[in-house]
Amino acid sequence: MVSWPQFLSEFARAGNLTLGGGQPMIAELERRVITTRRWLPPEDFGLLYSIARITPGTNILAFIAATATRIQGPWGGALAVVAASLPAALVIWLMTIFFDAWSTNPWVATAMAGAMAAVVALIASSAWQLLKPFRKNPLALILFLAALLAGLANIASPVTILLSAALLGALLPPKT
């Protein structure tokens, strides 16, 4: 059984101390929930991520709700979403109040440019970590590369790519 303080601390930590948006937050949750705490098997984590990506709305909140519910039930899902989002939302709300004054400051502009560059690396790292349980599966690597190329080349929308991959996965024989 997972203790509530530990559980909420992990989601609050990931949601409020991870910079760069949803992908780095997911990578941090994967590191803490799968590798360090071993609260979920890697396959469950990947499945929950996939399900959250095809839902409308804020995918990271859907992912947190699904992952936390899997670990601690429905109350865990609801409380994890609050723990992961409310403090950061309050900080962002306060920052927007002062945005006009800060946006003309060259130090702030330079800091934001540096942060944006780092976000790209964090997103790439997150994708590679999510693929970790499936790296020895050639089909998974082919699907990963196909989805990556389709996304980069704007061949299809993210929804089309996700639905196509899900359909292909459903048509393949199950692992025995």
N, C-alpha and C. Protein backbone atom coordinates (compact mmCIF):
# COMPACT_ATOMS: atom_id res chain seq x y z
N MET A 1 0.85 -1.19 0.00
CA MET A 1 0.00 0.00 0.00
C MET A 1 0.88 1.24 0.00
N VAL A 2 0.53 2.17 -0.81
CA VAL A 2 1.28 3.42 -0.94
C VAL A 2 0.74 4.41 0.09
N SER A 3 1.66 5.06 0.82
CA SER A 3 1.20 6.04 1.81
C SER A 3 0.70 7.30 1.10
N TRP A 4 -0.35 7.89 1.63
CA TRP A 4 -0.94 9.09 1.03
C TRP A 4 0.04 10.26 0.99
N PRO A 5 0.78 10.55 2.05
CA PRO A 5 1.73 11.67 1.97
C PRO A 5 2.79 11.47 0.87
N GLN A 6 3.32 10.26 0.78
CA GLN A 6 4.31 9.95 -0.26
C GLN A 6 3.70 10.10 -1.65
N PHE A 7 2.51 9.55 -1.80
CA PHE A 7 1.79 9.57 -3.07
C PHE A 7 1.54 11.01 -3.54
N LEU A 8 0.92 11.81 -2.68
CA LEU A 8 0.61 13.19 -3.05
C LEU A 8 1.87 14.01 -3.25
N SER A 9 2.90 13.72 -2.48
CA SER A 9 4.18 14.43 -2.63
C SER A 9 4.78 14.20 -4.02
N GLU A 10 4.72 12.98 -4.51
CA GLU A 10 5.28 12.68 -5.84
C GLU A 10 4.55 13.45 -6.94
N PHE A 11 3.23 13.48 -6.87
CA PHE A 11 2.47 14.18 -7.91
C PHE A 11 2.60 15.70 -7.77
N ALA A 12 2.63 16.20 -6.55
CA ALA A 12 2.82 17.64 -6.34
C ALA A 12 4.22 18.05 -6.81
N ARG A 13 5.19 17.24 -6.52
CA ARG A 13 6.57 17.52 -6.93
C ARG A 13 6.69 17.57 -8.46
N ALA A 14 6.14 16.56 -9.12
CA ALA A 14 6.21 16.50 -10.58
C ALA A 14 5.44 17.65 -11.21
N GLY A 15 4.27 17.94 -10.68
CA GLY A 15 3.42 18.97 -11.28
C GLY A 15 3.89 20.39 -11.04
N ASN A 16 4.60 20.62 -9.95
CA ASN A 16 4.94 21.99 -9.57
C ASN A 16 6.42 22.32 -9.62
N LEU A 17 7.26 21.31 -9.77
CA LEU A 17 8.70 21.58 -9.80
C LEU A 17 9.37 21.13 -11.09
N THR A 18 8.60 20.61 -12.04
CA THR A 18 9.15 20.19 -13.33
C THR A 18 8.90 21.30 -14.34
N LEU A 19 9.95 21.77 -14.96
CA LEU A 19 9.83 22.83 -15.97
C LEU A 19 9.71 22.22 -17.35
N GLY A 20 9.01 22.90 -18.24
CA GLY A 20 8.97 22.49 -19.63
C GLY A 20 7.66 21.91 -20.09
N GLY A 21 6.67 21.84 -19.25
CA GLY A 21 5.36 21.37 -19.69
C GLY A 21 5.12 19.91 -19.40
N GLY A 22 4.17 19.34 -20.13
CA GLY A 22 3.71 17.99 -19.87
C GLY A 22 4.72 16.89 -20.11
N GLN A 23 5.47 16.94 -21.20
CA GLN A 23 6.39 15.85 -21.52
C GLN A 23 7.47 15.67 -20.45
N PRO A 24 8.17 16.74 -20.04
CA PRO A 24 9.14 16.55 -18.96
C PRO A 24 8.49 16.08 -17.66
N MET A 25 7.27 16.54 -17.40
CA MET A 25 6.56 16.11 -16.20
C MET A 25 6.26 14.61 -16.27
N ILE A 26 5.87 14.14 -17.43
CA ILE A 26 5.60 12.72 -17.61
C ILE A 26 6.89 11.92 -17.43
N ALA A 27 7.99 12.43 -17.96
CA ALA A 27 9.28 11.74 -17.79
C ALA A 27 9.66 11.67 -16.32
N GLU A 28 9.43 12.74 -15.59
CA GLU A 28 9.74 12.75 -14.15
C GLU A 28 8.83 11.78 -13.41
N LEU A 29 7.56 11.76 -13.75
CA LEU A 29 6.65 10.80 -13.11
C LEU A 29 7.07 9.37 -13.43
N GLU A 30 7.49 9.14 -14.66
CA GLU A 30 7.94 7.80 -15.02
C GLU A 30 9.15 7.41 -14.19
N ARG A 31 10.09 8.31 -14.04
CA ARG A 31 11.29 8.04 -13.26
C ARG A 31 10.94 7.74 -11.81
N ARG A 32 10.04 8.52 -11.24
CA ARG A 32 9.71 8.37 -9.82
C ARG A 32 8.72 7.22 -9.58
N VAL A 33 7.65 7.14 -10.38
CA VAL A 33 6.58 6.17 -10.13
C VAL A 33 6.97 4.77 -10.60
N ILE A 34 7.70 4.67 -11.71
CA ILE A 34 8.06 3.36 -12.25
C ILE A 34 9.42 2.89 -11.73
N THR A 35 10.44 3.70 -11.94
CA THR A 35 11.81 3.27 -11.64
C THR A 35 12.12 3.32 -10.15
N THR A 36 11.84 4.44 -9.50
CA THR A 36 12.21 4.59 -8.10
C THR A 36 11.23 3.91 -7.16
N ARG A 37 9.96 4.24 -7.26
CA ARG A 37 8.96 3.73 -6.31
C ARG A 37 8.37 2.37 -6.70
N ARG A 38 8.40 2.05 -8.00
CA ARG A 38 7.85 0.79 -8.53
C ARG A 38 6.37 0.61 -8.17
N TRP A 39 5.61 1.69 -8.31
CA TRP A 39 4.18 1.65 -8.02
C TRP A 39 3.37 1.08 -9.19
N LEU A 40 3.94 1.14 -10.39
CA LEU A 40 3.26 0.62 -11.58
C LEU A 40 4.29 -0.08 -12.47
N PRO A 41 3.86 -1.09 -13.23
CA PRO A 41 4.77 -1.68 -14.22
C PRO A 41 4.91 -0.74 -15.43
N PRO A 42 6.03 -0.78 -16.12
CA PRO A 42 6.23 0.11 -17.28
C PRO A 42 5.15 -0.01 -18.35
N GLU A 43 4.61 -1.20 -18.55
CA GLU A 43 3.58 -1.39 -19.56
C GLU A 43 2.31 -0.61 -19.21
N ASP A 44 1.93 -0.59 -17.94
CA ASP A 44 0.75 0.17 -17.52
C ASP A 44 0.98 1.65 -17.75
N PHE A 45 2.18 2.10 -17.42
CA PHE A 45 2.50 3.52 -17.57
C PHE A 45 2.36 3.96 -19.03
N GLY A 46 2.92 3.16 -19.94
CA GLY A 46 2.81 3.47 -21.37
C GLY A 46 1.38 3.45 -21.87
N LEU A 47 0.60 2.50 -21.39
CA LEU A 47 -0.81 2.41 -21.79
C LEU A 47 -1.58 3.64 -21.30
N LEU A 48 -1.37 4.02 -20.04
CA LEU A 48 -2.05 5.19 -19.49
C LEU A 48 -1.67 6.46 -20.25
N TYR A 49 -0.40 6.55 -20.64
CA TYR A 49 0.06 7.71 -21.42
C TYR A 49 -0.67 7.74 -22.76
N SER A 50 -0.76 6.61 -23.41
CA SER A 50 -1.43 6.55 -24.72
C SER A 50 -2.90 6.92 -24.61
N ILE A 51 -3.56 6.41 -23.60
CA ILE A 51 -4.98 6.73 -23.41
C ILE A 51 -5.15 8.22 -23.15
N ALA A 52 -4.29 8.79 -22.31
CA ALA A 52 -4.39 10.22 -22.00
C ALA A 52 -4.17 11.08 -23.24
N ARG A 53 -3.31 10.64 -24.15
CA ARG A 53 -3.01 11.41 -25.36
C ARG A 53 -4.19 11.45 -26.33
N ILE A 54 -5.04 10.46 -26.30
CA ILE A 54 -6.16 10.47 -27.25
C ILE A 54 -7.42 11.07 -26.65
N THR A 55 -7.36 11.51 -25.40
CA THR A 55 -8.53 12.16 -24.81
C THR A 55 -8.49 13.65 -25.12
N PRO A 56 -9.65 14.26 -25.26
CA PRO A 56 -9.66 15.70 -25.49
C PRO A 56 -9.31 16.46 -24.21
N GLY A 57 -8.86 17.67 -24.37
CA GLY A 57 -8.56 18.50 -23.21
C GLY A 57 -7.08 18.45 -22.85
N THR A 58 -6.81 18.74 -21.61
CA THR A 58 -5.44 18.79 -21.13
C THR A 58 -4.94 17.37 -20.88
N ASN A 59 -4.07 16.89 -21.76
CA ASN A 59 -3.60 15.52 -21.69
C ASN A 59 -2.82 15.22 -20.41
N ILE A 60 -2.05 16.18 -19.92
CA ILE A 60 -1.25 15.89 -18.73
C ILE A 60 -2.16 15.67 -17.52
N LEU A 61 -3.24 16.43 -17.41
CA LEU A 61 -4.15 16.21 -16.29
C LEU A 61 -4.87 14.86 -16.44
N ALA A 62 -5.21 14.50 -17.65
CA ALA A 62 -5.81 13.18 -17.89
C ALA A 62 -4.82 12.09 -17.53
N PHE A 63 -3.56 12.29 -17.88
CA PHE A 63 -2.53 11.30 -17.56
C PHE A 63 -2.33 11.17 -16.05
N ILE A 64 -2.27 12.29 -15.37
CA ILE A 64 -2.11 12.26 -13.90
C ILE A 64 -3.31 11.57 -13.26
N ALA A 65 -4.50 11.92 -13.71
CA ALA A 65 -5.71 11.30 -13.15
C ALA A 65 -5.70 9.79 -13.37
N ALA A 66 -5.36 9.36 -14.57
CA ALA A 66 -5.35 7.93 -14.88
C ALA A 66 -4.28 7.19 -14.07
N THR A 67 -3.08 7.75 -14.05
CA THR A 67 -1.97 7.10 -13.34
C THR A 67 -2.26 7.03 -11.84
N ALA A 68 -2.68 8.14 -11.28
CA ALA A 68 -2.94 8.19 -9.84
C ALA A 68 -4.12 7.28 -9.47
N THR A 69 -5.13 7.22 -10.32
CA THR A 69 -6.27 6.34 -10.06
C THR A 69 -5.84 4.89 -10.07
N ARG A 70 -4.95 4.56 -10.98
CA ARG A 70 -4.43 3.18 -11.06
C ARG A 70 -3.67 2.81 -9.79
N ILE A 71 -3.01 3.79 -9.18
CA ILE A 71 -2.21 3.53 -7.99
C ILE A 71 -3.07 3.57 -6.72
N GLN A 72 -3.93 4.60 -6.57
CA GLN A 72 -4.64 4.83 -5.31
C GLN A 72 -6.16 4.92 -5.45
N GLY A 73 -6.69 4.56 -6.59
CA GLY A 73 -8.14 4.59 -6.75
C GLY A 73 -8.66 5.97 -7.13
N PRO A 74 -9.98 6.12 -7.25
CA PRO A 74 -10.58 7.37 -7.72
C PRO A 74 -10.22 8.61 -6.88
N TRP A 75 -10.20 8.46 -5.55
CA TRP A 75 -9.83 9.61 -4.72
C TRP A 75 -8.38 10.00 -4.97
N GLY A 76 -7.54 9.02 -5.19
CA GLY A 76 -6.14 9.31 -5.49
C GLY A 76 -6.01 10.08 -6.79
N GLY A 77 -6.81 9.70 -7.78
CA GLY A 77 -6.79 10.42 -9.06
C GLY A 77 -7.19 11.87 -8.90
N ALA A 78 -8.28 12.11 -8.17
CA ALA A 78 -8.76 13.48 -7.98
C ALA A 78 -7.77 14.31 -7.17
N LEU A 79 -7.26 13.75 -6.10
CA LEU A 79 -6.33 14.50 -5.25
C LEU A 79 -4.98 14.75 -5.94
N ALA A 80 -4.54 13.80 -6.75
CA ALA A 80 -3.28 13.98 -7.47
C ALA A 80 -3.38 15.11 -8.49
N VAL A 81 -4.53 15.22 -9.16
CA VAL A 81 -4.73 16.31 -10.13
C VAL A 81 -4.66 17.66 -9.41
N VAL A 82 -5.29 17.76 -8.26
CA VAL A 82 -5.25 19.01 -7.48
C VAL A 82 -3.83 19.29 -7.01
N ALA A 83 -3.16 18.28 -6.46
CA ALA A 83 -1.80 18.46 -5.95
C ALA A 83 -0.83 18.86 -7.07
N ALA A 84 -1.01 18.28 -8.25
CA ALA A 84 -0.10 18.54 -9.36
C ALA A 84 -0.39 19.84 -10.09
N SER A 85 -1.60 20.38 -9.96
CA SER A 85 -1.94 21.54 -10.78
C SER A 85 -2.21 22.83 -10.02
N LEU A 86 -2.80 22.76 -8.87
CA LEU A 86 -3.24 23.99 -8.19
C LEU A 86 -2.09 24.95 -7.83
N PRO A 87 -1.02 24.50 -7.18
CA PRO A 87 0.05 25.46 -6.84
C PRO A 87 0.66 26.13 -8.07
N ALA A 88 0.96 25.36 -9.12
CA ALA A 88 1.54 25.95 -10.32
C ALA A 88 0.55 26.88 -11.01
N ALA A 89 -0.73 26.52 -11.00
CA ALA A 89 -1.74 27.39 -11.61
C ALA A 89 -1.81 28.73 -10.89
N LEU A 90 -1.69 28.72 -9.60
CA LEU A 90 -1.68 29.98 -8.84
C LEU A 90 -0.46 30.83 -9.19
N VAL A 91 0.70 30.19 -9.34
CA VAL A 91 1.91 30.93 -9.72
C VAL A 91 1.75 31.53 -11.11
N ILE A 92 1.24 30.77 -12.05
CA ILE A 92 1.03 31.27 -13.42
C ILE A 92 0.03 32.41 -13.42
N TRP A 93 -1.02 32.30 -12.64
CA TRP A 93 -2.01 33.37 -12.54
C TRP A 93 -1.34 34.65 -12.06
N LEU A 94 -0.50 34.54 -11.04
CA LEU A 94 0.20 35.73 -10.54
C LEU A 94 1.18 36.29 -11.58
N MET A 95 1.85 35.39 -12.31
CA MET A 95 2.80 35.84 -13.33
C MET A 95 2.09 36.60 -14.45
N THR A 96 0.90 36.17 -14.81
CA THR A 96 0.18 36.86 -15.90
C THR A 96 -0.23 38.27 -15.49
N ILE A 97 -0.45 38.45 -14.21
CA ILE A 97 -0.79 39.80 -13.74
C ILE A 97 0.36 40.77 -14.03
N PHE A 98 1.60 40.27 -13.90
CA PHE A 98 2.78 41.12 -14.08
C PHE A 98 3.44 40.95 -15.45
N PHE A 99 2.79 40.23 -16.37
CA PHE A 99 3.40 39.91 -17.65
C PHE A 99 3.83 41.14 -18.45
N ASP A 100 2.99 42.13 -18.55
CA ASP A 100 3.33 43.32 -19.35
C ASP A 100 4.60 43.99 -18.85
N ALA A 101 4.75 44.11 -17.57
CA ALA A 101 5.95 44.74 -17.02
C ALA A 101 7.19 43.88 -17.27
N TRP A 102 7.05 42.56 -17.19
CA TRP A 102 8.20 41.67 -17.36
C TRP A 102 8.58 41.46 -18.82
N SER A 103 7.62 41.49 -19.73
CA SER A 103 7.89 41.12 -21.12
C SER A 103 8.86 42.05 -21.83
N THR A 104 9.02 43.25 -21.35
CA THR A 104 9.96 44.19 -21.98
C THR A 104 11.34 44.13 -21.33
N ASN A 105 11.52 43.34 -20.30
CA ASN A 105 12.80 43.22 -19.62
C ASN A 105 13.70 42.27 -20.40
N PRO A 106 14.90 42.73 -20.86
CA PRO A 106 15.77 41.87 -21.66
C PRO A 106 16.27 40.63 -20.89
N TRP A 107 16.42 40.72 -19.59
CA TRP A 107 16.84 39.57 -18.80
C TRP A 107 15.77 38.47 -18.82
N VAL A 108 14.53 38.88 -18.71
CA VAL A 108 13.43 37.92 -18.74
C VAL A 108 13.32 37.30 -20.13
N ALA A 109 13.45 38.12 -21.18
CA ALA A 109 13.37 37.61 -22.55
C ALA A 109 14.47 36.58 -22.82
N THR A 110 15.69 36.86 -22.35
CA THR A 110 16.80 35.93 -22.54
C THR A 110 16.56 34.63 -21.75
N ALA A 111 16.08 34.76 -20.53
CA ALA A 111 15.80 33.58 -19.72
C ALA A 111 14.73 32.71 -20.39
N MET A 112 13.70 33.33 -20.95
CA MET A 112 12.64 32.57 -21.61
C MET A 112 13.16 31.85 -22.86
N ALA A 113 14.04 32.50 -23.62
CA ALA A 113 14.62 31.87 -24.80
C ALA A 113 15.44 30.65 -24.41
N GLY A 114 16.21 30.76 -23.34
CA GLY A 114 16.98 29.62 -22.86
C GLY A 114 16.09 28.49 -22.38
N ALA A 115 15.03 28.83 -21.69
CA ALA A 115 14.10 27.81 -21.20
C ALA A 115 13.43 27.09 -22.37
N MET A 116 13.05 27.83 -23.41
CA MET A 116 12.40 27.20 -24.57
C MET A 116 13.33 26.22 -25.26
N ALA A 117 14.62 26.56 -25.36
CA ALA A 117 15.59 25.64 -25.99
C ALA A 117 15.71 24.36 -25.17
N ALA A 118 15.73 24.49 -23.86
CA ALA A 118 15.84 23.31 -22.99
C ALA A 118 14.60 22.43 -23.07
N VAL A 119 13.44 23.03 -23.28
CA VAL A 119 12.19 22.27 -23.36
C VAL A 119 12.25 21.27 -24.51
N VAL A 120 12.83 21.66 -25.63
CA VAL A 120 12.92 20.75 -26.78
C VAL A 120 13.71 19.50 -26.40
N ALA A 121 14.83 19.68 -25.72
CA ALA A 121 15.64 18.54 -25.29
C ALA A 121 14.88 17.68 -24.28
N LEU A 122 14.14 18.31 -23.39
CA LEU A 122 13.38 17.55 -22.40
C LEU A 122 12.26 16.74 -23.04
N ILE A 123 11.62 17.28 -24.06
CA ILE A 123 10.57 16.55 -24.76
C ILE A 123 11.17 15.33 -25.48
N ALA A 124 12.31 15.51 -26.13
CA ALA A 124 12.96 14.38 -26.81
C ALA A 124 13.37 13.31 -25.81
N SER A 125 13.89 13.72 -24.68
CA SER A 125 14.27 12.77 -23.63
C SER A 125 13.05 12.02 -23.10
N SER A 126 11.95 12.72 -22.93
CA SER A 126 10.72 12.09 -22.45
C SER A 126 10.24 11.02 -23.43
N ALA A 127 10.27 11.34 -24.70
CA ALA A 127 9.83 10.37 -25.71
C ALA A 127 10.69 9.11 -25.67
N TRP A 128 11.98 9.29 -25.54
CA TRP A 128 12.89 8.15 -25.50
C TRP A 128 12.65 7.30 -24.24
N GLN A 129 12.39 7.94 -23.12
CA GLN A 129 12.10 7.21 -21.88
C GLN A 129 10.79 6.43 -21.98
N LEU A 130 9.78 7.03 -22.60
CA LEU A 130 8.50 6.33 -22.74
C LEU A 130 8.64 5.11 -23.65
N LEU A 131 9.56 5.15 -24.57
CA LEU A 131 9.77 4.04 -25.49
C LEU A 131 10.61 2.93 -24.86
N LYS A 132 11.25 3.19 -23.73
CA LYS A 132 12.19 2.25 -23.11
C LYS A 132 11.66 0.82 -23.00
N PRO A 133 10.45 0.59 -22.50
CA PRO A 133 10.00 -0.81 -22.36
C PRO A 133 9.82 -1.52 -23.71
N PHE A 134 9.77 -0.77 -24.79
CA PHE A 134 9.47 -1.37 -26.10
C PHE A 134 10.64 -1.28 -27.07
N ARG A 135 11.81 -0.85 -26.61
CA ARG A 135 12.95 -0.64 -27.52
C ARG A 135 13.43 -1.92 -28.20
N LYS A 136 13.22 -3.07 -27.59
CA LYS A 136 13.67 -4.33 -28.20
C LYS A 136 12.65 -4.88 -29.18
N ASN A 137 11.53 -4.20 -29.31
CA ASN A 137 10.49 -4.64 -30.24
C ASN A 137 10.65 -3.85 -31.54
N PRO A 138 11.08 -4.51 -32.62
CA PRO A 138 11.31 -3.78 -33.89
C PRO A 138 10.07 -3.05 -34.40
N LEU A 139 8.89 -3.67 -34.22
CA LEU A 139 7.66 -3.03 -34.68
C LEU A 139 7.40 -1.73 -33.91
N ALA A 140 7.66 -1.73 -32.61
CA ALA A 140 7.47 -0.52 -31.81
C ALA A 140 8.41 0.58 -32.29
N LEU A 141 9.64 0.23 -32.61
CA LEU A 141 10.59 1.23 -33.12
C LEU A 141 10.15 1.77 -34.48
N ILE A 142 9.62 0.90 -35.32
CA ILE A 142 9.14 1.34 -36.63
C ILE A 142 7.95 2.29 -36.46
N LEU A 143 7.02 1.93 -35.57
CA LEU A 143 5.87 2.80 -35.32
C LEU A 143 6.32 4.14 -34.73
N PHE A 144 7.30 4.09 -33.84
CA PHE A 144 7.84 5.32 -33.25
C PHE A 144 8.40 6.23 -34.34
N LEU A 145 9.24 5.66 -35.20
CA LEU A 145 9.86 6.46 -36.27
C LEU A 145 8.82 6.97 -37.27
N ALA A 146 7.85 6.12 -37.61
CA ALA A 146 6.80 6.54 -38.54
C ALA A 146 5.98 7.69 -37.95
N ALA A 147 5.62 7.57 -36.68
CA ALA A 147 4.84 8.64 -36.03
C ALA A 147 5.66 9.91 -35.94
N LEU A 148 6.94 9.77 -35.60
CA LEU A 148 7.83 10.93 -35.51
C LEU A 148 7.93 11.64 -36.86
N LEU A 149 8.18 10.89 -37.92
CA LEU A 149 8.30 11.49 -39.25
C LEU A 149 6.98 12.11 -39.71
N ALA A 150 5.88 11.42 -39.45
CA ALA A 150 4.57 11.97 -39.83
C ALA A 150 4.28 13.27 -39.10
N GLY A 151 4.66 13.32 -37.83
CA GLY A 151 4.46 14.55 -37.05
C GLY A 151 5.37 15.67 -37.51
N LEU A 152 6.65 15.36 -37.74
CA LEU A 152 7.61 16.38 -38.16
C LEU A 152 7.28 16.94 -39.55
N ALA A 153 6.81 16.06 -40.42
CA ALA A 153 6.51 16.49 -41.79
C ALA A 153 5.09 17.03 -41.93
N ASN A 154 4.35 17.07 -40.85
CA ASN A 154 2.95 17.52 -40.88
C ASN A 154 2.12 16.73 -41.89
N ILE A 155 2.40 15.45 -41.99
CA ILE A 155 1.66 14.59 -42.91
C ILE A 155 0.25 14.34 -42.38
N ALA A 156 0.14 14.23 -41.06
CA ALA A 156 -1.15 13.95 -40.45
C ALA A 156 -1.24 14.67 -39.11
N SER A 157 -2.46 14.85 -38.66
CA SER A 157 -2.66 15.49 -37.35
C SER A 157 -2.26 14.52 -36.25
N PRO A 158 -1.95 15.02 -35.06
CA PRO A 158 -1.61 14.12 -33.95
C PRO A 158 -2.72 13.10 -33.66
N VAL A 159 -3.97 13.52 -33.77
CA VAL A 159 -5.09 12.59 -33.51
C VAL A 159 -5.07 11.47 -34.54
N THR A 160 -4.86 11.80 -35.81
CA THR A 160 -4.81 10.78 -36.86
C THR A 160 -3.65 9.82 -36.63
N ILE A 161 -2.50 10.35 -36.25
CA ILE A 161 -1.33 9.51 -35.99
C ILE A 161 -1.62 8.56 -34.83
N LEU A 162 -2.18 9.08 -33.74
CA LEU A 162 -2.47 8.23 -32.58
C LEU A 162 -3.52 7.17 -32.89
N LEU A 163 -4.58 7.56 -33.58
CA LEU A 163 -5.62 6.59 -33.93
C LEU A 163 -5.09 5.52 -34.89
N SER A 164 -4.26 5.93 -35.85
CA SER A 164 -3.67 4.97 -36.79
C SER A 164 -2.78 3.97 -36.06
N ALA A 165 -1.96 4.46 -35.14
CA ALA A 165 -1.08 3.57 -34.38
C ALA A 165 -1.90 2.63 -33.50
N ALA A 166 -2.96 3.14 -32.89
CA ALA A 166 -3.82 2.28 -32.05
C ALA A 166 -4.48 1.20 -32.90
N LEU A 167 -4.97 1.57 -34.08
CA LEU A 167 -5.61 0.61 -34.97
C LEU A 167 -4.60 -0.45 -35.41
N LEU A 168 -3.41 -0.03 -35.80
CA LEU A 168 -2.37 -0.97 -36.19
C LEU A 168 -2.01 -1.91 -35.05
N GLY A 169 -1.89 -1.34 -33.84
CA GLY A 169 -1.60 -2.16 -32.68
C GLY A 169 -2.69 -3.18 -32.40
N ALA A 170 -3.95 -2.78 -32.61
CA ALA A 170 -5.07 -3.70 -32.39
C ALA A 170 -5.10 -4.82 -33.40
N LEU A 171 -4.61 -4.56 -34.61
CA LEU A 171 -4.63 -5.58 -35.66
C LEU A 171 -3.50 -6.59 -35.53
N LEU A 172 -2.48 -6.25 -34.76
CA LEU A 172 -1.34 -7.15 -34.62
C LEU A 172 -1.66 -8.26 -33.63
N PRO A 173 -1.01 -9.41 -33.83
CA PRO A 173 -1.27 -10.50 -32.87
C PRO A 173 -0.75 -10.11 -31.48
N PRO A 174 -1.48 -10.49 -30.43
CA PRO A 174 -1.04 -10.16 -29.08
C PRO A 174 0.22 -10.92 -28.68
N LYS A 175 0.99 -10.33 -27.75
CA LYS A 175 2.17 -11.00 -27.21
C LYS A 175 1.73 -12.16 -26.33
N THR A 176 2.41 -13.27 -26.47
CA THR A 176 2.06 -14.42 -25.62
C THR A 176 3.20 -14.78 -24.71
